[in-house]
N, C-alpha and C. Protein backbone atom coordinates (compact mmCIF):
# COMPACT_ATOMS: atom_id res chain seq x y z
N UNK A 1 -103.99 32.70 -55.99
CA UNK A 1 -102.58 33.08 -57.26
C UNK A 1 -102.07 32.01 -56.71
N UNK A 2 -100.96 31.78 -57.83
CA UNK A 2 -99.57 30.42 -57.29
C UNK A 2 -98.77 31.20 -56.49
N UNK A 3 -97.96 30.85 -55.55
CA UNK A 3 -97.01 30.92 -55.20
C UNK A 3 -95.68 30.00 -54.76
N UNK A 4 -94.41 30.25 -54.00
CA UNK A 4 -93.94 29.15 -54.42
C UNK A 4 -94.34 28.95 -52.80
N UNK A 5 -92.77 27.59 -51.79
CA UNK A 5 -92.92 27.83 -50.79
C UNK A 5 -93.15 28.12 -49.48
N UNK A 6 -92.94 30.11 -48.94
CA UNK A 6 -92.81 30.76 -48.12
C UNK A 6 -93.99 31.79 -48.92
N UNK A 7 -94.68 32.06 -49.97
CA UNK A 7 -95.72 32.46 -50.30
C UNK A 7 -95.60 33.80 -50.50
N UNK A 8 -94.46 33.97 -51.78
CA UNK A 8 -94.21 34.46 -52.72
C UNK A 8 -94.72 34.17 -54.33
N UNK A 9 -95.40 35.57 -54.58
CA UNK A 9 -96.13 35.27 -55.69
C UNK A 9 -95.28 34.80 -56.59
N UNK A 10 -95.33 34.28 -57.60
CA UNK A 10 -94.84 33.10 -59.06
C UNK A 10 -94.99 34.47 -59.84
N UNK A 11 -93.93 34.82 -60.77
CA UNK A 11 -93.46 35.96 -61.02
C UNK A 11 -92.78 35.56 -63.01
N UNK A 12 -92.65 34.34 -62.55
CA UNK A 12 -91.95 34.28 -63.57
C UNK A 12 -90.13 34.30 -64.23
N UNK A 13 -89.71 35.23 -62.87
CA UNK A 13 -88.74 36.08 -63.45
C UNK A 13 -87.96 34.86 -63.22
N UNK A 14 -87.69 33.34 -62.64
CA UNK A 14 -86.37 33.62 -63.58
C UNK A 14 -86.72 32.19 -64.75
N UNK A 15 -87.37 32.54 -65.25
CA UNK A 15 -88.13 31.80 -66.29
C UNK A 15 -86.97 32.46 -67.80
N UNK A 16 -86.28 31.84 -68.02
CA UNK A 16 -85.31 32.19 -69.49
C UNK A 16 -85.67 31.92 -70.57
N UNK A 17 -86.22 32.76 -70.87
CA UNK A 17 -86.75 31.52 -73.25
C UNK A 17 -85.85 32.96 -73.94
N UNK A 18 -85.34 32.22 -75.06
CA UNK A 18 -85.13 33.41 -76.01
C UNK A 18 -85.90 33.01 -77.25
N UNK A 19 -86.19 32.01 -77.21
CA UNK A 19 -87.16 31.88 -78.73
C UNK A 19 -86.74 31.06 -79.68
N UNK A 20 -85.40 30.53 -78.78
CA UNK A 20 -84.16 29.73 -80.33
C UNK A 20 -83.92 28.50 -79.42
N UNK A 21 -84.66 27.16 -80.06
CA UNK A 21 -84.57 26.19 -79.44
C UNK A 21 -83.33 25.67 -78.86
N UNK A 22 -81.86 25.90 -79.98
CA UNK A 22 -80.60 25.38 -79.27
C UNK A 22 -80.21 26.46 -78.23
N UNK A 23 -80.31 28.06 -78.92
CA UNK A 23 -79.75 28.46 -77.44
C UNK A 23 -80.13 28.02 -75.94
N UNK A 24 -81.85 27.50 -76.53
CA UNK A 24 -82.55 27.56 -74.48
C UNK A 24 -82.40 26.50 -74.45
N UNK A 25 -81.64 25.46 -74.59
CA UNK A 25 -81.08 23.86 -74.65
C UNK A 25 -79.85 23.86 -74.48
N UNK A 26 -78.85 24.55 -74.81
CA UNK A 26 -77.67 25.11 -74.11
C UNK A 26 -78.05 25.77 -72.56
N UNK A 27 -78.63 25.92 -72.45
CA UNK A 27 -79.03 27.42 -71.53
C UNK A 27 -79.20 26.28 -70.36
N UNK A 28 -80.43 25.58 -70.68
CA UNK A 28 -81.16 24.25 -70.07
C UNK A 28 -80.65 23.45 -69.29
N UNK A 29 -78.91 23.11 -70.53
CA UNK A 29 -77.64 21.96 -69.71
C UNK A 29 -77.44 22.73 -68.61
N UNK A 30 -76.88 23.73 -69.34
CA UNK A 30 -76.40 24.53 -68.17
C UNK A 30 -76.36 25.08 -66.51
N UNK A 31 -77.73 24.73 -66.93
CA UNK A 31 -78.45 25.28 -65.37
C UNK A 31 -78.48 23.36 -64.71
N UNK A 32 -78.96 22.58 -65.68
CA UNK A 32 -78.69 21.48 -65.19
C UNK A 32 -77.45 20.69 -64.35
N UNK A 33 -76.17 21.55 -64.99
CA UNK A 33 -74.73 21.18 -64.39
C UNK A 33 -74.93 21.40 -63.46
N UNK A 34 -74.99 23.20 -63.65
CA UNK A 34 -75.18 24.17 -61.81
C UNK A 34 -76.29 23.58 -60.83
N UNK A 35 -76.71 22.99 -61.36
CA UNK A 35 -77.72 21.94 -60.16
C UNK A 35 -77.16 20.71 -59.53
N UNK A 36 -76.74 19.82 -60.17
CA UNK A 36 -76.20 18.62 -59.85
C UNK A 36 -74.44 19.28 -59.07
N UNK A 37 -73.88 19.95 -60.04
CA UNK A 37 -73.52 20.71 -59.28
C UNK A 37 -73.32 21.37 -57.40
N UNK A 38 -74.42 21.95 -57.97
CA UNK A 38 -74.43 22.29 -56.97
C UNK A 38 -75.25 21.08 -54.75
N UNK A 39 -75.90 20.27 -55.85
CA UNK A 39 -76.42 19.23 -55.07
C UNK A 39 -74.95 18.30 -54.91
N UNK A 40 -74.08 17.88 -55.76
CA UNK A 40 -72.64 17.07 -55.17
C UNK A 40 -71.75 18.27 -54.06
N UNK A 41 -71.74 18.94 -54.10
CA UNK A 41 -71.40 19.98 -52.73
C UNK A 41 -72.02 19.69 -51.45
N UNK A 42 -73.47 19.93 -51.69
CA UNK A 42 -74.38 19.43 -50.20
C UNK A 42 -73.80 17.70 -49.77
N UNK A 43 -74.26 17.09 -51.00
CA UNK A 43 -74.05 15.79 -50.94
C UNK A 43 -72.68 15.71 -49.66
N UNK A 44 -71.37 15.96 -50.14
CA UNK A 44 -69.94 16.14 -49.75
C UNK A 44 -70.19 16.93 -48.11
N UNK A 45 -71.02 17.85 -48.19
CA UNK A 45 -71.12 19.00 -46.95
C UNK A 45 -72.08 17.78 -45.64
N UNK A 46 -72.32 16.56 -46.12
CA UNK A 46 -73.56 16.37 -44.79
C UNK A 46 -73.39 14.97 -44.60
N UNK A 47 -73.45 14.57 -43.32
CA UNK A 47 -73.04 13.25 -43.24
C UNK A 47 -74.16 12.18 -42.14
N UNK A 48 -75.54 13.74 -42.73
CA UNK A 48 -76.84 12.88 -42.81
C UNK A 48 -77.71 11.60 -43.54
N UNK A 49 -78.25 10.32 -43.40
CA UNK A 49 -77.36 9.39 -43.95
C UNK A 49 -79.06 9.82 -45.11
N UNK A 50 -80.40 10.68 -44.37
CA UNK A 50 -81.32 10.19 -44.70
C UNK A 50 -81.12 12.08 -46.30
N UNK A 51 -80.34 12.80 -45.88
CA UNK A 51 -80.30 14.21 -47.11
C UNK A 51 -78.91 13.22 -47.68
N UNK A 52 -78.13 12.55 -47.49
CA UNK A 52 -77.39 11.91 -48.57
C UNK A 52 -77.66 11.22 -49.08
N UNK A 53 -79.13 10.54 -49.01
CA UNK A 53 -80.68 9.73 -49.72
C UNK A 53 -81.03 10.51 -50.89
N UNK A 54 -81.25 11.51 -50.03
CA UNK A 54 -82.02 12.79 -50.93
C UNK A 54 -81.21 12.82 -51.85
N UNK A 55 -80.08 13.33 -51.78
CA UNK A 55 -79.40 14.35 -52.74
C UNK A 55 -78.68 13.22 -53.50
N UNK A 56 -78.34 11.64 -53.14
CA UNK A 56 -78.06 11.19 -53.93
C UNK A 56 -79.22 10.98 -55.17
N UNK A 57 -80.35 10.74 -55.00
CA UNK A 57 -81.44 10.91 -56.22
C UNK A 57 -81.41 12.17 -57.10
N UNK A 58 -81.07 13.24 -55.89
CA UNK A 58 -81.65 14.33 -56.74
C UNK A 58 -80.31 14.41 -58.46
N UNK A 59 -79.59 14.37 -57.87
CA UNK A 59 -77.53 14.15 -58.63
C UNK A 59 -77.80 13.09 -59.33
N UNK A 60 -78.80 12.02 -58.98
CA UNK A 60 -78.85 10.95 -60.57
C UNK A 60 -79.60 11.99 -61.18
N UNK A 61 -81.25 12.06 -60.93
CA UNK A 61 -81.97 13.35 -61.72
C UNK A 61 -81.14 13.89 -62.96
N UNK A 62 -80.48 14.63 -62.29
CA UNK A 62 -80.01 15.15 -62.96
C UNK A 62 -79.19 14.68 -63.81
N UNK A 63 -78.32 13.98 -63.67
CA UNK A 63 -77.61 12.64 -64.66
C UNK A 63 -78.12 13.18 -65.73
N UNK A 64 -79.35 12.57 -65.58
CA UNK A 64 -81.00 11.97 -66.99
C UNK A 64 -80.65 13.34 -67.25
N UNK A 65 -80.67 14.92 -66.97
CA UNK A 65 -81.01 15.85 -67.09
C UNK A 65 -80.88 16.61 -68.20
N UNK A 66 -79.18 16.46 -67.97
CA UNK A 66 -78.01 16.27 -68.51
C UNK A 66 -77.93 15.66 -69.58
N UNK A 67 -78.15 14.07 -69.92
CA UNK A 67 -77.78 13.52 -71.08
C UNK A 67 -79.76 13.70 -72.03
N UNK A 68 -80.41 14.15 -71.36
CA UNK A 68 -81.37 14.27 -72.08
C UNK A 68 -81.22 16.08 -73.11
N UNK A 69 -80.60 17.16 -72.23
CA UNK A 69 -80.43 18.42 -72.78
C UNK A 69 -79.18 17.88 -73.55
N UNK A 70 -78.36 17.74 -73.95
CA UNK A 70 -77.25 17.41 -74.70
C UNK A 70 -77.63 16.64 -75.90
N UNK A 71 -78.14 15.05 -75.73
CA UNK A 71 -79.39 14.30 -77.15
C UNK A 71 -80.10 15.57 -77.40
N UNK A 72 -81.39 16.32 -77.13
CA UNK A 72 -81.63 17.37 -77.74
C UNK A 72 -80.40 17.88 -78.76
N UNK A 73 -80.29 18.60 -78.22
CA UNK A 73 -78.79 19.66 -78.50
C UNK A 73 -78.22 19.45 -79.92
N UNK A 74 -77.43 17.57 -79.63
CA UNK A 74 -76.78 16.76 -80.91
C UNK A 74 -77.63 16.80 -81.76
N UNK A 75 -79.01 16.68 -81.37
CA UNK A 75 -80.31 16.21 -82.38
C UNK A 75 -79.83 17.97 -83.68
N UNK A 76 -79.79 18.53 -82.86
CA UNK A 76 -80.33 20.64 -84.01
C UNK A 76 -79.27 20.13 -84.09
N UNK A 77 -77.44 20.11 -83.54
CA UNK A 77 -76.80 20.37 -84.00
C UNK A 77 -76.40 19.71 -85.22
N UNK A 78 -76.90 18.89 -85.94
CA UNK A 78 -77.05 17.11 -86.46
C UNK A 78 -76.53 17.79 -88.27
N UNK A 79 -77.26 19.16 -88.80
CA UNK A 79 -76.72 19.50 -89.06
C UNK A 79 -75.99 20.61 -89.77
N UNK A 80 -75.05 20.92 -88.59
CA UNK A 80 -74.12 21.83 -88.72
C UNK A 80 -74.59 23.50 -88.46
N UNK A 81 -75.54 23.05 -87.82
CA UNK A 81 -76.91 25.01 -87.86
C UNK A 81 -76.16 25.01 -86.17
N UNK A 82 -74.55 24.89 -85.81
CA UNK A 82 -73.99 24.37 -84.59
C UNK A 82 -74.32 26.47 -84.04
N UNK A 83 -74.23 27.42 -84.43
CA UNK A 83 -73.79 28.70 -84.36
C UNK A 83 -75.43 29.29 -84.06
N UNK A 84 -75.92 30.01 -82.88
CA UNK A 84 -77.64 31.06 -82.91
C UNK A 84 -77.08 32.24 -83.22
N UNK A 85 -78.10 32.65 -84.48
CA UNK A 85 -79.01 32.07 -84.72
C UNK A 85 -78.08 31.99 -85.85
N UNK A 86 -78.69 30.66 -85.91
CA UNK A 86 -78.40 29.83 -87.85
C UNK A 86 -78.18 30.82 -88.76
N UNK A 87 -79.52 31.41 -88.98
CA UNK A 87 -80.57 32.22 -89.66
C UNK A 87 -80.23 33.51 -90.49
N UNK A 88 -78.76 34.24 -89.50
CA UNK A 88 -78.35 35.23 -89.63
C UNK A 88 -77.48 35.39 -90.80
N UNK A 89 -77.47 35.70 -92.15
CA UNK A 89 -77.09 35.54 -93.51
C UNK A 89 -75.14 35.51 -92.79
N UNK A 90 -74.29 34.29 -93.19
CA UNK A 90 -73.17 34.35 -93.11
C UNK A 90 -71.99 35.63 -94.05
N UNK A 91 -72.82 36.37 -94.55
CA UNK A 91 -72.00 36.97 -95.71
C UNK A 91 -72.49 39.12 -94.71
N UNK A 92 -73.14 38.80 -93.74
CA UNK A 92 -73.22 39.58 -93.01
C UNK A 92 -72.18 39.64 -92.05
N UNK A 93 -71.42 39.22 -91.69
CA UNK A 93 -71.01 38.95 -90.29
C UNK A 93 -69.44 39.31 -90.97
N UNK A 94 -68.18 39.58 -90.03
CA UNK A 94 -66.80 39.28 -90.44
C UNK A 94 -67.04 38.61 -90.62
N UNK A 95 -66.81 37.39 -91.97
CA UNK A 95 -66.12 36.12 -91.59
C UNK A 95 -64.55 35.76 -91.77
N UNK A 96 -63.57 37.18 -92.01
CA UNK A 96 -62.69 37.11 -91.23
C UNK A 96 -62.33 37.39 -90.35
N UNK A 97 -62.94 37.70 -89.08
CA UNK A 97 -61.88 37.39 -87.60
C UNK A 97 -63.16 35.47 -87.24
N UNK A 98 -64.17 35.25 -88.18
CA UNK A 98 -65.06 34.24 -87.23
C UNK A 98 -64.52 33.23 -86.50
N UNK A 99 -63.23 32.72 -87.39
CA UNK A 99 -62.55 31.44 -86.24
C UNK A 99 -61.31 32.17 -85.68
N UNK A 100 -60.70 32.94 -85.51
CA UNK A 100 -59.62 33.73 -84.88
C UNK A 100 -59.85 33.42 -82.92
N UNK A 101 -58.76 32.95 -82.91
CA UNK A 101 -59.04 32.62 -80.88
C UNK A 101 -57.98 33.73 -80.72
N UNK A 102 -58.57 34.85 -79.80
CA UNK A 102 -57.18 35.24 -79.33
C UNK A 102 -56.90 35.31 -78.48
N UNK A 103 -55.51 34.73 -77.92
CA UNK A 103 -54.84 34.87 -76.75
C UNK A 103 -54.87 35.92 -76.13
N UNK A 104 -55.41 35.69 -75.02
CA UNK A 104 -54.55 37.47 -74.20
C UNK A 104 -54.22 36.72 -72.55
N UNK A 105 -53.64 35.82 -72.46
CA UNK A 105 -53.80 34.89 -71.36
C UNK A 105 -52.34 35.72 -71.16
N UNK A 106 -51.51 35.24 -70.21
CA UNK A 106 -49.69 35.26 -70.04
C UNK A 106 -49.22 34.15 -70.34
N UNK A 107 -49.46 33.09 -70.81
CA UNK A 107 -48.94 32.25 -71.55
C UNK A 107 -49.93 31.71 -72.85
N UNK A 108 -48.93 30.89 -73.23
CA UNK A 108 -49.58 29.84 -74.39
C UNK A 108 -50.23 29.08 -74.14
N UNK A 109 -50.69 28.06 -72.83
CA UNK A 109 -51.18 26.75 -73.12
C UNK A 109 -52.62 26.60 -73.74
N UNK A 110 -52.86 28.12 -73.41
CA UNK A 110 -54.83 27.71 -73.84
C UNK A 110 -53.89 27.32 -75.59
N UNK A 111 -52.56 27.68 -76.45
CA UNK A 111 -53.08 27.02 -78.02
C UNK A 111 -52.96 25.29 -78.23
N UNK A 112 -53.04 24.85 -76.68
CA UNK A 112 -53.44 23.27 -77.07
C UNK A 112 -54.98 23.19 -77.61
N UNK A 113 -55.31 23.87 -76.84
CA UNK A 113 -56.97 23.41 -76.99
C UNK A 113 -57.16 23.39 -78.06
N UNK A 114 -58.64 22.45 -78.48
CA UNK A 114 -59.54 22.33 -79.88
C UNK A 114 -59.80 23.05 -80.86
N UNK A 115 -59.97 24.41 -79.63
CA UNK A 115 -61.01 26.27 -80.10
C UNK A 115 -59.27 26.74 -81.30
N UNK A 116 -58.57 26.69 -80.72
CA UNK A 116 -57.06 27.41 -81.36
C UNK A 116 -56.64 27.00 -82.60
N UNK A 117 -56.89 25.38 -83.19
CA UNK A 117 -56.41 25.51 -84.39
C UNK A 117 -57.33 23.87 -84.60
N UNK A 118 -57.20 24.51 -86.07
CA UNK A 118 -57.74 22.25 -87.05
C UNK A 118 -59.12 23.09 -87.65
N UNK A 119 -59.68 22.33 -87.86
CA UNK A 119 -61.19 22.45 -88.41
C UNK A 119 -62.23 22.73 -87.28
N UNK A 120 -63.28 24.20 -87.84
CA UNK A 120 -63.74 25.16 -87.02
C UNK A 120 -65.29 23.26 -86.43
N UNK A 121 -65.63 23.70 -85.12
CA UNK A 121 -66.31 22.83 -85.29
C UNK A 121 -67.96 23.19 -85.46
N UNK A 122 -68.40 24.08 -86.82
CA UNK A 122 -69.13 24.13 -87.40
C UNK A 122 -69.12 23.43 -89.36
N UNK A 123 -67.42 23.29 -89.35
CA UNK A 123 -66.83 22.85 -90.20
C UNK A 123 -66.91 23.90 -91.43
N UNK A 124 -66.79 25.37 -91.31
CA UNK A 124 -67.22 25.84 -92.68
C UNK A 124 -65.94 26.92 -92.32
N UNK A 125 -65.01 26.44 -91.34
CA UNK A 125 -63.61 27.36 -91.22
C UNK A 125 -62.96 26.71 -90.58
N UNK A 126 -61.12 27.35 -90.80
CA UNK A 126 -60.69 26.88 -89.52
C UNK A 126 -60.34 27.58 -88.47
N UNK A 127 -59.44 27.15 -87.78
CA UNK A 127 -59.18 27.83 -86.42
C UNK A 127 -58.16 28.47 -86.34
N UNK A 128 -57.62 29.97 -86.16
CA UNK A 128 -56.75 30.94 -85.65
C UNK A 128 -55.88 31.22 -84.74
N UNK A 129 -55.20 30.60 -84.61
CA UNK A 129 -54.61 31.41 -82.79
C UNK A 129 -53.92 32.29 -83.22
N UNK A 130 -53.61 33.03 -82.27
CA UNK A 130 -53.21 34.31 -82.29
C UNK A 130 -52.59 34.63 -81.16
N UNK A 131 -51.86 35.04 -80.16
CA UNK A 131 -51.30 35.34 -78.96
C UNK A 131 -50.79 36.92 -79.50
N UNK A 132 -51.43 37.87 -78.23
CA UNK A 132 -51.08 38.56 -77.85
C UNK A 132 -51.54 39.55 -78.60
N UNK A 133 -53.09 39.05 -79.43
CA UNK A 133 -52.92 40.01 -80.79
C UNK A 133 -53.05 41.57 -80.39
N UNK A 134 -52.54 42.06 -81.86
CA UNK A 134 -52.69 43.57 -81.75
C UNK A 134 -53.70 44.45 -81.99
N UNK A 135 -54.30 45.21 -81.30
CA UNK A 135 -55.30 46.30 -81.60
C UNK A 135 -56.05 46.75 -82.79
N UNK A 136 -57.33 46.09 -82.93
CA UNK A 136 -57.24 46.84 -84.15
C UNK A 136 -57.74 48.21 -84.66
N UNK A 137 -57.74 48.86 -83.74
CA UNK A 137 -57.55 50.63 -83.98
C UNK A 137 -56.71 51.33 -83.11
N UNK A 138 -57.26 52.40 -82.44
CA UNK A 138 -56.07 53.34 -82.04
C UNK A 138 -57.37 53.12 -79.94
N UNK A 139 -55.77 52.93 -78.98
CA UNK A 139 -56.62 53.65 -77.52
C UNK A 139 -57.62 54.46 -77.66
N UNK A 140 -58.93 54.44 -76.89
CA UNK A 140 -59.35 55.61 -77.54
C UNK A 140 -58.70 56.65 -75.80
N UNK A 141 -58.80 58.04 -76.77
CA UNK A 141 -59.18 58.80 -75.68
C UNK A 141 -60.05 59.50 -74.71
N UNK A 142 -60.98 58.94 -74.10
CA UNK A 142 -62.43 59.69 -73.77
C UNK A 142 -62.12 59.85 -72.22
N UNK A 143 -62.54 60.83 -72.13
CA UNK A 143 -62.78 61.24 -70.32
C UNK A 143 -63.45 60.70 -69.34
N UNK A 144 -62.96 60.84 -67.89
CA UNK A 144 -63.48 60.05 -66.96
C UNK A 144 -65.08 60.47 -66.76
N UNK A 145 -66.27 59.46 -66.95
CA UNK A 145 -67.96 59.64 -66.32
C UNK A 145 -67.63 60.44 -65.56
N UNK A 146 -68.97 61.84 -65.37
CA UNK A 146 -69.31 63.07 -64.40
C UNK A 146 -69.26 61.95 -63.02
N UNK A 147 -69.00 62.71 -61.85
CA UNK A 147 -69.54 62.29 -61.05
C UNK A 147 -70.11 61.47 -60.50
N UNK A 148 -71.60 62.34 -60.92
CA UNK A 148 -72.83 61.47 -60.95
C UNK A 148 -73.68 59.94 -60.98
N UNK A 149 -72.51 59.72 -62.65
CA UNK A 149 -72.48 57.98 -62.79
C UNK A 149 -72.44 57.20 -61.31
N UNK A 150 -72.45 57.56 -59.91
CA UNK A 150 -71.30 56.21 -59.36
C UNK A 150 -70.23 55.64 -59.18
N UNK A 151 -69.40 56.57 -60.64
CA UNK A 151 -68.17 54.91 -60.28
C UNK A 151 -67.40 54.82 -59.06
N UNK A 152 -66.50 54.24 -59.46
CA UNK A 152 -65.77 53.33 -58.36
C UNK A 152 -64.60 54.06 -58.20
N UNK A 153 -64.09 55.00 -58.75
CA UNK A 153 -62.82 55.85 -58.83
C UNK A 153 -63.03 56.98 -58.06
N UNK A 154 -61.93 56.91 -57.05
CA UNK A 154 -62.15 58.14 -56.68
C UNK A 154 -61.65 59.21 -57.49
N UNK A 155 -62.40 60.93 -57.21
CA UNK A 155 -62.72 62.16 -57.43
C UNK A 155 -60.51 62.53 -58.21
N UNK A 156 -61.06 62.27 -59.08
CA UNK A 156 -59.19 62.86 -59.81
C UNK A 156 -59.85 64.52 -60.67
N UNK A 157 -58.72 65.67 -59.96
CA UNK A 157 -58.81 66.72 -61.53
C UNK A 157 -59.10 65.70 -62.36
N UNK A 158 -59.47 66.65 -63.86
CA UNK A 158 -59.46 66.54 -64.68
C UNK A 158 -58.32 66.15 -65.71
N UNK A 159 -58.65 65.99 -66.74
CA UNK A 159 -57.17 65.88 -67.27
C UNK A 159 -56.15 64.38 -66.08
N UNK A 160 -56.11 63.65 -65.78
CA UNK A 160 -55.56 63.27 -64.66
C UNK A 160 -55.18 61.77 -65.25
N UNK A 161 -56.48 61.23 -65.72
CA UNK A 161 -56.29 60.23 -65.76
C UNK A 161 -55.24 59.50 -67.19
């Protein structure tokens, strides 16, 4: 049976595949970014020349892999089908909020970001910025969860939350 280097059976539990190439390629780019980040951190932590040489090779390969996945992503996005899945009918989504950026932070610095104004990346809308937007509905009055759900709040008498 296939196993890893210490004998654990191979289970495929670490394989992520959605069946959508664009989503999967973006996830691969994220994984390569995380891998390169960790390799760089390890490189900076060691003084061993042999380890630095090996990590330098891995860092360079991750550079290639990130470029590879990004090139594949760009190829898939050439038709402006950048939203996954692109096959879902846009008429069924609430288009009036599809390009709204809701800034819930303490400041307004994010207003300067590309995501907050101007033509949307898919070319189908205009980004709109809303600082501290008002809720769409009333705040619900919910009962506390029963204690058997193992919540992290201390037990309080009913109707005190």
